[in-house]
Protein backbone atom coordinates (compact mmCIF):
# COMPACT_ATOMS: atom_id res chain seq x y z
CA UNK A 1 -40.55 1.29 -32.18
CA UNK A 2 -38.24 -1.46 -30.93
CA UNK A 3 -40.17 -4.01 -28.87
CA UNK A 4 -37.28 -6.46 -28.41
CA UNK A 5 -36.03 -7.58 -25.02
CA UNK A 6 -33.53 -5.16 -23.48
CA UNK A 7 -31.60 -7.91 -21.68
CA UNK A 8 -27.82 -7.54 -21.72
CA UNK A 9 -26.12 -9.86 -24.15
CA UNK A 10 -22.82 -11.61 -23.50
CA UNK A 11 -20.24 -10.60 -26.07
CA UNK A 12 -17.24 -12.55 -24.76
CA UNK A 13 -16.21 -14.62 -21.79
CA UNK A 14 -12.74 -15.04 -20.35
CA UNK A 15 -11.65 -17.96 -18.19
CA UNK A 16 -8.86 -17.06 -15.78
CA UNK A 17 -7.01 -19.58 -13.66
CA UNK A 18 -5.48 -17.66 -10.79
CA UNK A 19 -3.31 -19.63 -8.44
CA UNK A 20 -3.18 -18.00 -5.03
CA UNK A 21 0.24 -18.67 -3.53
CA UNK A 22 0.25 -20.21 -0.08
CA UNK A 23 2.21 -17.98 2.25
CA UNK A 24 2.65 -18.41 5.97
CA UNK A 25 1.75 -15.68 8.42
CA UNK A 26 5.42 -15.27 9.34
CA UNK A 27 6.45 -14.79 5.69
CA UNK A 28 3.63 -12.29 5.21
CA UNK A 29 4.77 -10.32 8.27
CA UNK A 30 8.38 -10.24 7.06
CA UNK A 31 7.29 -9.00 3.63
CA UNK A 32 5.08 -6.33 5.21
CA UNK A 33 7.96 -5.09 7.36
CA UNK A 34 10.27 -4.89 4.35
CA UNK A 35 7.64 -2.89 2.46
CA UNK A 36 7.36 -0.50 5.41
CA UNK A 37 11.08 -0.06 6.11
CA UNK A 38 12.61 -0.11 2.60
CA UNK A 39 12.29 2.17 -0.44
CA UNK A 40 9.92 0.84 -3.07
CA UNK A 41 12.13 2.18 -5.88
CA UNK A 42 15.68 1.17 -4.91
CA UNK A 43 15.36 -1.02 -1.78
CA UNK A 44 17.48 1.23 0.46
CA UNK A 45 16.53 1.49 4.14
CA UNK A 46 14.26 4.48 4.73
CA UNK A 47 15.08 7.29 7.13
CA UNK A 48 12.25 8.30 9.47
CA UNK A 49 11.71 11.64 11.19
CA UNK A 50 9.12 12.06 13.92
CA UNK A 51 7.73 15.29 15.33
CA UNK A 52 5.48 15.17 18.37
CA UNK A 53 2.96 17.92 19.10
CA UNK A 54 1.79 17.37 22.66
CA UNK A 55 -0.75 20.20 22.51
CA UNK A 56 -2.54 18.81 19.43
CA UNK A 57 -1.80 15.22 20.61
CA UNK A 58 -0.32 14.15 17.25
CA UNK A 59 2.87 12.60 15.91
CA UNK A 60 3.95 13.42 12.35
CA UNK A 61 6.03 10.77 10.62
CA UNK A 62 8.07 11.54 7.51
CA UNK A 63 9.87 8.71 5.66
CA UNK A 64 12.33 9.40 2.86
CA UNK A 65 15.00 7.48 0.95
CA UNK A 66 18.55 8.81 1.38
CA UNK A 67 19.68 7.15 -1.85
CA UNK A 68 17.11 8.31 -4.43
CA UNK A 69 15.82 11.31 -2.39
CA UNK A 70 12.18 10.28 -2.69
CA UNK A 71 9.77 11.07 0.15
CA UNK A 72 7.84 7.83 0.43
CA UNK A 73 5.20 8.80 2.93
CA UNK A 74 4.11 11.44 5.38
CA UNK A 75 1.54 10.44 7.97
CA UNK A 76 0.08 11.82 11.14
CA UNK A 77 -0.99 9.74 14.14
CA UNK A 78 -3.04 10.66 17.20
CA UNK A 79 -1.59 10.10 20.64
CA UNK A 80 -3.72 8.08 23.02
């Protein structure tokens, strides 16, 4: 029977020097807007379609790229 300590042993260590870029709030907002309004594949402006269902109190949003024909997202939001 093995009576040795069952402590985990370190096999290897890796030192990583990550430099976090300093970005202003304005630059971050601009980048977020571009990510929301442009296609992630080709960079073309997305086309949005909205359908409102007043009985269920929801708005369905469908975004697709007219250039590469990719549907990027389809979301549903509740009306307040």
